[in-house]
């Protein structure tokens, strides 16, 4: 993240912090599969709207923090977040022109890609197959995207982040 222009940096860090709290929210065991990757949703938003300040390196750092936070294989989420950030930053000018419904479909594809990468990494590591339940966070993340989009959009304009 580019700290030279510090206007709005606090808002970005607060949004990531809230997403981290939502990621580790204590839920009943049966409900854990429905908890979307809130951090990835926030990373996608900031990469989409301020790619010059929130870049692939920022996504990688927050991916590493997510790995530490969730106790997963170090670098797993960092790789996923970096790949998705690359795609978003590469296509951000096109994606920003789409209406929310089309953006939501793009987010679904990206979240499915992310879950597929995590699934692949974990299966290479210890060959555990957990069925199609593995993709549920991508669908719940897609349902949560409009809320993240509207919430961070308001924060983005209130904090006057350039």
N, C-alpha and C. Protein backbone atom coordinates (compact mmCIF):
# COMPACT_ATOMS: atom_id res chain seq x y z
N UNK A 1 0.86 -1.17 0.00
CA UNK A 1 0.00 0.00 0.00
C UNK A 1 0.90 1.23 0.00
N UNK A 2 0.56 2.19 -0.80
CA UNK A 2 1.33 3.41 -0.92
C UNK A 2 0.97 4.35 0.22
N UNK A 3 1.93 4.56 1.14
CA UNK A 3 1.67 5.40 2.30
C UNK A 3 2.07 6.86 2.06
N UNK A 4 2.62 7.18 0.88
CA UNK A 4 3.03 8.56 0.62
C UNK A 4 1.84 9.50 0.67
N UNK A 5 0.74 9.08 0.10
CA UNK A 5 -0.49 9.86 0.18
C UNK A 5 -1.31 9.25 1.31
N UNK A 6 -1.16 9.80 2.50
CA UNK A 6 -1.74 9.16 3.68
C UNK A 6 -3.23 9.42 3.84
N UNK A 7 -3.80 10.28 3.01
CA UNK A 7 -5.23 10.56 3.12
C UNK A 7 -6.01 9.28 2.82
N UNK A 8 -6.77 8.84 3.79
CA UNK A 8 -7.58 7.64 3.62
C UNK A 8 -6.92 6.35 4.03
N UNK A 9 -5.62 6.39 4.35
CA UNK A 9 -4.93 5.17 4.75
C UNK A 9 -5.57 4.56 5.99
N UNK A 10 -5.98 5.42 6.91
CA UNK A 10 -6.62 4.92 8.13
C UNK A 10 -7.92 4.20 7.79
N UNK A 11 -8.68 4.74 6.86
CA UNK A 11 -9.95 4.12 6.47
C UNK A 11 -9.71 2.75 5.84
N UNK A 12 -8.68 2.64 5.02
CA UNK A 12 -8.35 1.36 4.40
C UNK A 12 -7.96 0.35 5.46
N UNK A 13 -7.10 0.76 6.39
CA UNK A 13 -6.65 -0.16 7.45
C UNK A 13 -7.79 -0.55 8.38
N UNK A 14 -8.69 0.38 8.66
CA UNK A 14 -9.85 0.05 9.50
C UNK A 14 -10.76 -0.94 8.78
N UNK A 15 -10.96 -0.75 7.48
CA UNK A 15 -11.82 -1.69 6.74
C UNK A 15 -11.20 -3.09 6.71
N UNK A 16 -9.89 -3.17 6.55
CA UNK A 16 -9.22 -4.48 6.58
C UNK A 16 -9.31 -5.09 7.98
N UNK A 17 -9.16 -4.26 9.01
CA UNK A 17 -9.25 -4.76 10.39
C UNK A 17 -10.64 -5.32 10.69
N UNK A 18 -11.67 -4.62 10.25
CA UNK A 18 -13.04 -5.11 10.46
C UNK A 18 -13.24 -6.43 9.70
N UNK A 19 -12.70 -6.50 8.49
CA UNK A 19 -12.80 -7.75 7.71
C UNK A 19 -12.08 -8.89 8.42
N UNK A 20 -10.95 -8.60 9.05
CA UNK A 20 -10.23 -9.64 9.79
C UNK A 20 -11.04 -10.11 10.99
N UNK A 21 -11.69 -9.19 11.67
CA UNK A 21 -12.55 -9.58 12.79
C UNK A 21 -13.71 -10.44 12.32
N UNK A 22 -14.30 -10.09 11.20
CA UNK A 22 -15.40 -10.89 10.65
C UNK A 22 -14.91 -12.27 10.21
N UNK A 23 -13.66 -12.34 9.75
CA UNK A 23 -13.10 -13.62 9.29
C UNK A 23 -12.94 -14.61 10.45
N UNK A 24 -12.58 -14.09 11.63
CA UNK A 24 -12.36 -15.00 12.77
C UNK A 24 -13.54 -14.99 13.73
N UNK A 25 -14.67 -14.49 13.28
CA UNK A 25 -15.87 -14.46 14.09
C UNK A 25 -16.22 -15.87 14.58
N UNK A 26 -16.39 -16.05 15.89
CA UNK A 26 -16.71 -17.40 16.39
C UNK A 26 -18.13 -17.80 15.97
N UNK A 27 -18.21 -18.83 15.16
CA UNK A 27 -19.48 -19.34 14.67
C UNK A 27 -19.60 -20.81 15.06
N UNK A 28 -20.82 -21.32 15.13
CA UNK A 28 -20.97 -22.76 15.35
C UNK A 28 -20.26 -23.53 14.23
N UNK A 29 -19.76 -24.70 14.57
CA UNK A 29 -18.96 -25.49 13.62
C UNK A 29 -19.67 -25.70 12.28
N UNK A 30 -20.96 -25.95 12.32
CA UNK A 30 -21.70 -26.19 11.08
C UNK A 30 -21.84 -24.93 10.23
N UNK A 31 -21.71 -23.77 10.82
CA UNK A 31 -21.87 -22.51 10.10
C UNK A 31 -20.56 -21.96 9.55
N UNK A 32 -19.43 -22.51 9.96
CA UNK A 32 -18.14 -21.99 9.52
C UNK A 32 -17.99 -22.01 8.00
N UNK A 33 -18.58 -23.00 7.37
CA UNK A 33 -18.47 -23.12 5.92
C UNK A 33 -19.18 -21.97 5.20
N UNK A 34 -20.10 -21.30 5.89
CA UNK A 34 -20.86 -20.20 5.28
C UNK A 34 -20.19 -18.83 5.48
N UNK A 35 -19.11 -18.77 6.23
CA UNK A 35 -18.43 -17.50 6.48
C UNK A 35 -17.58 -17.13 5.27
N UNK A 36 -17.93 -16.06 4.55
CA UNK A 36 -17.15 -15.71 3.36
C UNK A 36 -15.79 -15.15 3.74
N UNK A 37 -14.93 -15.05 2.75
CA UNK A 37 -13.60 -14.47 2.96
C UNK A 37 -13.74 -12.95 2.89
N UNK A 38 -14.08 -12.37 4.03
CA UNK A 38 -14.32 -10.92 4.10
C UNK A 38 -13.08 -10.13 3.71
N UNK A 39 -11.92 -10.63 4.08
CA UNK A 39 -10.68 -9.90 3.79
C UNK A 39 -10.47 -9.83 2.27
N UNK A 40 -10.71 -10.94 1.59
CA UNK A 40 -10.57 -10.94 0.13
C UNK A 40 -11.56 -9.99 -0.52
N UNK A 41 -12.77 -9.93 -0.01
CA UNK A 41 -13.76 -8.99 -0.56
C UNK A 41 -13.29 -7.54 -0.42
N UNK A 42 -12.71 -7.22 0.72
CA UNK A 42 -12.20 -5.85 0.94
C UNK A 42 -10.99 -5.59 0.04
N UNK A 43 -10.10 -6.58 -0.08
CA UNK A 43 -8.94 -6.45 -0.97
C UNK A 43 -9.41 -6.22 -2.41
N UNK A 44 -10.41 -6.97 -2.84
CA UNK A 44 -10.94 -6.80 -4.19
C UNK A 44 -11.48 -5.37 -4.38
N UNK A 45 -12.22 -4.87 -3.41
CA UNK A 45 -12.78 -3.52 -3.53
C UNK A 45 -11.67 -2.49 -3.69
N UNK A 46 -10.68 -2.53 -2.79
CA UNK A 46 -9.64 -1.50 -2.83
C UNK A 46 -8.77 -1.64 -4.08
N UNK A 47 -8.50 -2.87 -4.54
CA UNK A 47 -7.75 -3.05 -5.79
C UNK A 47 -8.54 -2.54 -6.99
N UNK A 48 -9.85 -2.65 -6.92
CA UNK A 48 -10.70 -2.21 -8.02
C UNK A 48 -10.79 -0.69 -8.10
N UNK A 49 -10.83 -0.02 -6.95
CA UNK A 49 -11.08 1.42 -6.95
C UNK A 49 -9.87 2.30 -6.69
N UNK A 50 -8.84 1.77 -6.07
CA UNK A 50 -7.61 2.57 -5.91
C UNK A 50 -6.39 1.68 -6.18
N UNK A 51 -6.26 1.15 -7.41
CA UNK A 51 -5.16 0.22 -7.70
C UNK A 51 -3.78 0.85 -7.61
N UNK A 52 -3.71 2.18 -7.71
CA UNK A 52 -2.40 2.83 -7.59
C UNK A 52 -1.93 2.89 -6.14
N UNK A 53 -2.84 2.74 -5.20
CA UNK A 53 -2.48 2.75 -3.77
C UNK A 53 -2.55 1.38 -3.14
N UNK A 54 -3.48 0.56 -3.57
CA UNK A 54 -3.66 -0.77 -3.00
C UNK A 54 -3.36 -1.76 -4.13
N UNK A 55 -2.15 -2.32 -4.11
CA UNK A 55 -1.68 -3.09 -5.25
C UNK A 55 -1.47 -4.56 -4.89
N UNK A 56 -0.78 -5.28 -5.75
CA UNK A 56 -0.54 -6.71 -5.54
C UNK A 56 0.28 -6.94 -4.28
N UNK A 57 1.24 -6.07 -4.01
CA UNK A 57 2.04 -6.19 -2.79
C UNK A 57 1.18 -6.05 -1.54
N UNK A 58 0.25 -5.12 -1.57
CA UNK A 58 -0.67 -4.96 -0.43
C UNK A 58 -1.51 -6.21 -0.25
N UNK A 59 -2.01 -6.76 -1.35
CA UNK A 59 -2.82 -7.98 -1.28
C UNK A 59 -1.99 -9.13 -0.71
N UNK A 60 -0.73 -9.21 -1.12
CA UNK A 60 0.15 -10.27 -0.63
C UNK A 60 0.37 -10.14 0.88
N UNK A 61 0.62 -8.92 1.34
CA UNK A 61 0.84 -8.69 2.78
C UNK A 61 -0.40 -9.07 3.58
N UNK A 62 -1.57 -8.63 3.12
CA UNK A 62 -2.79 -8.96 3.85
C UNK A 62 -3.13 -10.44 3.73
N UNK A 63 -2.70 -11.08 2.65
CA UNK A 63 -2.84 -12.53 2.54
C UNK A 63 -1.98 -13.25 3.56
N UNK A 64 -0.75 -12.78 3.75
CA UNK A 64 0.11 -13.37 4.79
C UNK A 64 -0.48 -13.17 6.18
N UNK A 65 -1.01 -11.98 6.43
CA UNK A 65 -1.66 -11.73 7.72
C UNK A 65 -2.87 -12.65 7.91
N UNK A 66 -3.60 -12.91 6.84
CA UNK A 66 -4.74 -13.83 6.92
C UNK A 66 -4.27 -15.24 7.23
N UNK A 67 -3.16 -15.66 6.62
CA UNK A 67 -2.61 -16.99 6.91
C UNK A 67 -2.25 -17.12 8.38
N UNK A 68 -1.61 -16.09 8.92
CA UNK A 68 -1.24 -16.11 10.34
C UNK A 68 -2.49 -16.07 11.21
N UNK A 69 -3.44 -15.25 10.84
CA UNK A 69 -4.68 -15.09 11.60
C UNK A 69 -5.48 -16.38 11.67
N UNK A 70 -5.54 -17.11 10.57
CA UNK A 70 -6.37 -18.31 10.50
C UNK A 70 -5.59 -19.60 10.73
N UNK A 71 -4.28 -19.52 10.85
CA UNK A 71 -3.47 -20.70 11.11
C UNK A 71 -3.33 -21.62 9.91
N UNK A 72 -3.45 -21.08 8.73
CA UNK A 72 -3.30 -21.88 7.52
C UNK A 72 -1.85 -21.91 7.08
N UNK A 73 -1.59 -22.69 6.05
CA UNK A 73 -0.26 -22.79 5.49
C UNK A 73 0.22 -21.40 5.09
N UNK A 74 1.39 -21.00 5.58
CA UNK A 74 1.90 -19.65 5.34
C UNK A 74 2.14 -19.44 3.84
N UNK A 75 1.52 -18.44 3.30
CA UNK A 75 1.65 -18.10 1.90
C UNK A 75 0.48 -18.54 1.04
N UNK A 76 -0.38 -19.37 1.61
CA UNK A 76 -1.52 -19.88 0.85
C UNK A 76 -2.47 -18.76 0.44
N UNK A 77 -2.98 -18.01 1.40
CA UNK A 77 -3.88 -16.90 1.09
C UNK A 77 -3.11 -15.77 0.40
N UNK A 78 -1.83 -15.62 0.72
CA UNK A 78 -1.03 -14.58 0.07
C UNK A 78 -0.99 -14.82 -1.44
N UNK A 79 -0.81 -16.07 -1.84
CA UNK A 79 -0.80 -16.41 -3.26
C UNK A 79 -2.17 -16.14 -3.89
N UNK A 80 -3.22 -16.59 -3.23
CA UNK A 80 -4.58 -16.41 -3.75
C UNK A 80 -4.91 -14.93 -3.87
N UNK A 81 -4.64 -14.15 -2.83
CA UNK A 81 -4.95 -12.72 -2.86
C UNK A 81 -4.15 -12.01 -3.95
N UNK A 82 -2.89 -12.41 -4.14
CA UNK A 82 -2.05 -11.78 -5.16
C UNK A 82 -2.55 -12.08 -6.57
N UNK A 83 -2.94 -13.32 -6.81
CA UNK A 83 -3.45 -13.69 -8.14
C UNK A 83 -4.73 -12.92 -8.44
N UNK A 84 -5.64 -12.87 -7.47
CA UNK A 84 -6.90 -12.17 -7.68
C UNK A 84 -6.66 -10.66 -7.80
N UNK A 85 -5.75 -10.12 -7.01
CA UNK A 85 -5.42 -8.69 -7.12
C UNK A 85 -4.85 -8.37 -8.50
N UNK A 86 -4.00 -9.26 -9.02
CA UNK A 86 -3.44 -9.05 -10.35
C UNK A 86 -4.55 -8.96 -11.40
N UNK A 87 -5.48 -9.91 -11.33
CA UNK A 87 -6.58 -9.93 -12.30
C UNK A 87 -7.43 -8.66 -12.19
N UNK A 88 -7.76 -8.29 -10.96
CA UNK A 88 -8.58 -7.09 -10.73
C UNK A 88 -7.86 -5.84 -11.23
N UNK A 89 -6.60 -5.69 -10.87
CA UNK A 89 -5.86 -4.48 -11.26
C UNK A 89 -5.70 -4.43 -12.78
N UNK A 90 -5.47 -5.57 -13.38
CA UNK A 90 -5.31 -5.63 -14.84
C UNK A 90 -6.60 -5.21 -15.56
N UNK A 91 -7.75 -5.54 -14.98
CA UNK A 91 -9.03 -5.29 -15.64
C UNK A 91 -9.87 -4.21 -14.95
N UNK A 92 -9.28 -3.46 -14.01
CA UNK A 92 -10.09 -2.56 -13.18
C UNK A 92 -10.85 -1.50 -13.98
N UNK A 93 -10.27 -0.98 -15.05
CA UNK A 93 -10.96 0.06 -15.80
C UNK A 93 -12.21 -0.48 -16.49
N UNK A 94 -12.16 -1.72 -16.94
CA UNK A 94 -13.34 -2.32 -17.57
C UNK A 94 -14.39 -2.68 -16.53
N UNK A 95 -13.94 -3.31 -15.45
CA UNK A 95 -14.88 -3.79 -14.42
C UNK A 95 -15.63 -2.63 -13.79
N UNK A 96 -14.96 -1.51 -13.58
CA UNK A 96 -15.62 -0.37 -12.94
C UNK A 96 -16.78 0.18 -13.75
N UNK A 97 -16.79 -0.05 -15.05
CA UNK A 97 -17.87 0.44 -15.90
C UNK A 97 -19.13 -0.42 -15.81
N UNK A 98 -19.00 -1.64 -15.32
CA UNK A 98 -20.14 -2.55 -15.27
C UNK A 98 -21.10 -2.18 -14.16
N UNK A 99 -22.39 -2.48 -14.33
CA UNK A 99 -23.33 -2.28 -13.22
C UNK A 99 -23.06 -3.30 -12.10
N UNK A 100 -23.62 -3.05 -10.94
CA UNK A 100 -23.37 -3.89 -9.77
C UNK A 100 -23.68 -5.36 -10.04
N UNK A 101 -24.73 -5.65 -10.78
CA UNK A 101 -25.09 -7.04 -11.05
C UNK A 101 -23.99 -7.77 -11.82
N UNK A 102 -23.39 -7.12 -12.80
CA UNK A 102 -22.31 -7.74 -13.56
C UNK A 102 -21.03 -7.81 -12.74
N UNK A 103 -20.77 -6.79 -11.92
CA UNK A 103 -19.62 -6.86 -11.03
C UNK A 103 -19.75 -8.04 -10.09
N UNK A 104 -20.97 -8.29 -9.62
CA UNK A 104 -21.21 -9.40 -8.70
C UNK A 104 -20.90 -10.73 -9.37
N UNK A 105 -21.23 -10.88 -10.64
CA UNK A 105 -20.90 -12.12 -11.36
C UNK A 105 -19.39 -12.27 -11.52
N UNK A 106 -18.70 -11.17 -11.76
CA UNK A 106 -17.24 -11.21 -11.86
C UNK A 106 -16.65 -11.60 -10.51
N UNK A 107 -17.19 -11.05 -9.44
CA UNK A 107 -16.72 -11.38 -8.09
C UNK A 107 -16.93 -12.86 -7.83
N UNK A 108 -18.07 -13.41 -8.25
CA UNK A 108 -18.32 -14.84 -8.08
C UNK A 108 -17.23 -15.65 -8.77
N UNK A 109 -16.89 -15.30 -9.99
CA UNK A 109 -15.84 -16.02 -10.71
C UNK A 109 -14.49 -15.92 -9.99
N UNK A 110 -14.17 -14.73 -9.50
CA UNK A 110 -12.90 -14.55 -8.79
C UNK A 110 -12.87 -15.32 -7.47
N UNK A 111 -13.99 -15.31 -6.74
CA UNK A 111 -14.04 -16.04 -5.48
C UNK A 111 -13.98 -17.55 -5.73
N UNK A 112 -14.61 -18.02 -6.79
CA UNK A 112 -14.51 -19.44 -7.14
C UNK A 112 -13.07 -19.80 -7.52
N UNK A 113 -12.40 -18.91 -8.24
CA UNK A 113 -10.99 -19.12 -8.57
C UNK A 113 -10.16 -19.20 -7.29
N UNK A 114 -10.41 -18.28 -6.37
CA UNK A 114 -9.67 -18.28 -5.11
C UNK A 114 -9.89 -19.55 -4.31
N UNK A 115 -11.14 -19.99 -4.21
CA UNK A 115 -11.44 -21.23 -3.47
C UNK A 115 -10.82 -22.43 -4.17
N UNK A 116 -10.79 -22.42 -5.50
CA UNK A 116 -10.16 -23.52 -6.24
C UNK A 116 -8.66 -23.56 -5.97
N UNK A 117 -8.01 -22.40 -5.95
CA UNK A 117 -6.58 -22.36 -5.64
C UNK A 117 -6.30 -22.86 -4.22
N UNK A 118 -7.11 -22.43 -3.26
CA UNK A 118 -6.93 -22.89 -1.87
C UNK A 118 -7.14 -24.40 -1.81
N UNK A 119 -8.17 -24.89 -2.47
CA UNK A 119 -8.46 -26.32 -2.50
C UNK A 119 -7.29 -27.10 -3.08
N UNK A 120 -6.74 -26.60 -4.18
CA UNK A 120 -5.62 -27.26 -4.82
C UNK A 120 -4.38 -27.26 -3.92
N UNK A 121 -4.08 -26.12 -3.31
CA UNK A 121 -2.92 -26.03 -2.42
C UNK A 121 -3.07 -26.98 -1.24
N UNK A 122 -4.24 -27.02 -0.64
CA UNK A 122 -4.43 -27.90 0.51
C UNK A 122 -4.41 -29.37 0.12
N UNK A 123 -4.88 -29.70 -1.07
CA UNK A 123 -4.82 -31.09 -1.51
C UNK A 123 -3.41 -31.52 -1.88
N UNK A 124 -2.61 -30.61 -2.40
CA UNK A 124 -1.20 -30.93 -2.65
C UNK A 124 -0.49 -31.16 -1.32
N UNK A 125 -0.88 -30.38 -0.33
CA UNK A 125 -0.25 -30.47 0.99
C UNK A 125 -0.60 -31.78 1.70
N UNK A 126 -1.89 -32.15 1.76
CA UNK A 126 -2.24 -33.35 2.52
C UNK A 126 -3.39 -34.16 1.93
N UNK A 127 -3.74 -33.95 0.68
CA UNK A 127 -4.71 -34.76 -0.06
C UNK A 127 -5.99 -35.06 0.73
N UNK A 128 -6.67 -34.02 1.15
CA UNK A 128 -7.95 -34.18 1.84
C UNK A 128 -9.04 -33.62 0.95
N UNK A 129 -10.03 -34.42 0.65
CA UNK A 129 -11.15 -33.97 -0.18
C UNK A 129 -12.35 -33.73 0.72
N UNK A 130 -12.90 -32.55 0.65
CA UNK A 130 -14.03 -32.22 1.52
C UNK A 130 -15.33 -32.00 0.75
N UNK A 131 -15.36 -32.36 -0.51
CA UNK A 131 -16.58 -32.23 -1.30
C UNK A 131 -16.82 -30.81 -1.78
N UNK A 132 -18.04 -30.60 -2.25
CA UNK A 132 -18.42 -29.30 -2.81
C UNK A 132 -18.64 -28.24 -1.74
N UNK A 133 -18.65 -28.63 -0.48
CA UNK A 133 -18.79 -27.64 0.60
C UNK A 133 -17.68 -26.61 0.55
N UNK A 134 -16.58 -26.97 -0.09
CA UNK A 134 -15.44 -26.08 -0.17
C UNK A 134 -15.75 -24.80 -0.94
N UNK A 135 -16.73 -24.86 -1.83
CA UNK A 135 -17.06 -23.71 -2.67
C UNK A 135 -18.14 -22.81 -2.06
N UNK A 136 -18.74 -23.22 -0.97
CA UNK A 136 -19.81 -22.43 -0.36
C UNK A 136 -19.36 -21.01 0.02
N UNK A 137 -18.14 -20.82 0.58
CA UNK A 137 -17.74 -19.43 0.90
C UNK A 137 -17.70 -18.51 -0.32
N UNK A 138 -17.46 -19.06 -1.50
CA UNK A 138 -17.48 -18.23 -2.71
C UNK A 138 -18.90 -17.72 -2.98
N UNK A 139 -19.88 -18.57 -2.76
CA UNK A 139 -21.27 -18.15 -2.99
C UNK A 139 -21.76 -17.19 -1.91
N UNK A 140 -21.38 -17.44 -0.66
CA UNK A 140 -21.79 -16.50 0.40
C UNK A 140 -21.04 -15.18 0.25
N UNK A 141 -19.80 -15.24 -0.23
CA UNK A 141 -19.06 -14.01 -0.51
C UNK A 141 -19.71 -13.20 -1.62
N UNK A 142 -20.25 -13.90 -2.61
CA UNK A 142 -20.96 -13.22 -3.69
C UNK A 142 -22.22 -12.53 -3.16
N UNK A 143 -22.90 -13.21 -2.24
CA UNK A 143 -24.08 -12.59 -1.63
C UNK A 143 -23.70 -11.39 -0.77
N UNK A 144 -22.51 -11.45 -0.15
CA UNK A 144 -22.06 -10.36 0.71
C UNK A 144 -21.46 -9.19 -0.08
N UNK A 145 -21.07 -9.43 -1.34
CA UNK A 145 -20.40 -8.40 -2.13
C UNK A 145 -21.18 -7.10 -2.23
N UNK A 146 -22.49 -7.11 -2.52
CA UNK A 146 -23.20 -5.82 -2.60
C UNK A 146 -23.12 -5.02 -1.30
N UNK A 147 -23.14 -5.69 -0.15
CA UNK A 147 -23.01 -4.99 1.13
C UNK A 147 -21.62 -4.38 1.28
N UNK A 148 -20.60 -5.16 0.92
CA UNK A 148 -19.22 -4.66 0.98
C UNK A 148 -19.05 -3.50 0.01
N UNK A 149 -19.58 -3.64 -1.18
CA UNK A 149 -19.48 -2.62 -2.22
C UNK A 149 -20.12 -1.31 -1.77
N UNK A 150 -21.31 -1.39 -1.22
CA UNK A 150 -22.01 -0.18 -0.77
C UNK A 150 -21.34 0.41 0.46
N UNK A 151 -20.97 -0.45 1.41
CA UNK A 151 -20.33 0.03 2.65
C UNK A 151 -18.99 0.69 2.40
N UNK A 152 -18.14 0.02 1.61
CA UNK A 152 -16.83 0.60 1.33
C UNK A 152 -16.93 1.78 0.36
N UNK A 153 -17.94 1.76 -0.49
CA UNK A 153 -18.16 2.92 -1.37
C UNK A 153 -18.46 4.17 -0.58
N UNK A 154 -19.30 4.03 0.44
CA UNK A 154 -19.59 5.17 1.32
C UNK A 154 -18.36 5.63 2.07
N UNK A 155 -17.59 4.67 2.58
CA UNK A 155 -16.35 5.00 3.29
C UNK A 155 -15.36 5.66 2.35
N UNK A 156 -15.27 5.14 1.15
CA UNK A 156 -14.36 5.67 0.13
C UNK A 156 -14.65 7.14 -0.14
N UNK A 157 -15.92 7.49 -0.28
CA UNK A 157 -16.28 8.88 -0.57
C UNK A 157 -16.19 9.78 0.66
N UNK A 158 -16.54 9.24 1.82
CA UNK A 158 -16.45 10.05 3.05
C UNK A 158 -15.01 10.36 3.42
N UNK A 159 -14.12 9.38 3.23
CA UNK A 159 -12.71 9.58 3.57
C UNK A 159 -11.95 10.30 2.46
N UNK A 160 -12.61 10.53 1.33
CA UNK A 160 -12.00 11.22 0.18
C UNK A 160 -10.67 10.58 -0.22
N UNK A 161 -10.73 9.27 -0.40
CA UNK A 161 -9.54 8.52 -0.78
C UNK A 161 -9.33 8.68 -2.28
N UNK A 162 -8.13 9.11 -2.66
CA UNK A 162 -7.80 9.29 -4.09
C UNK A 162 -7.11 8.07 -4.62
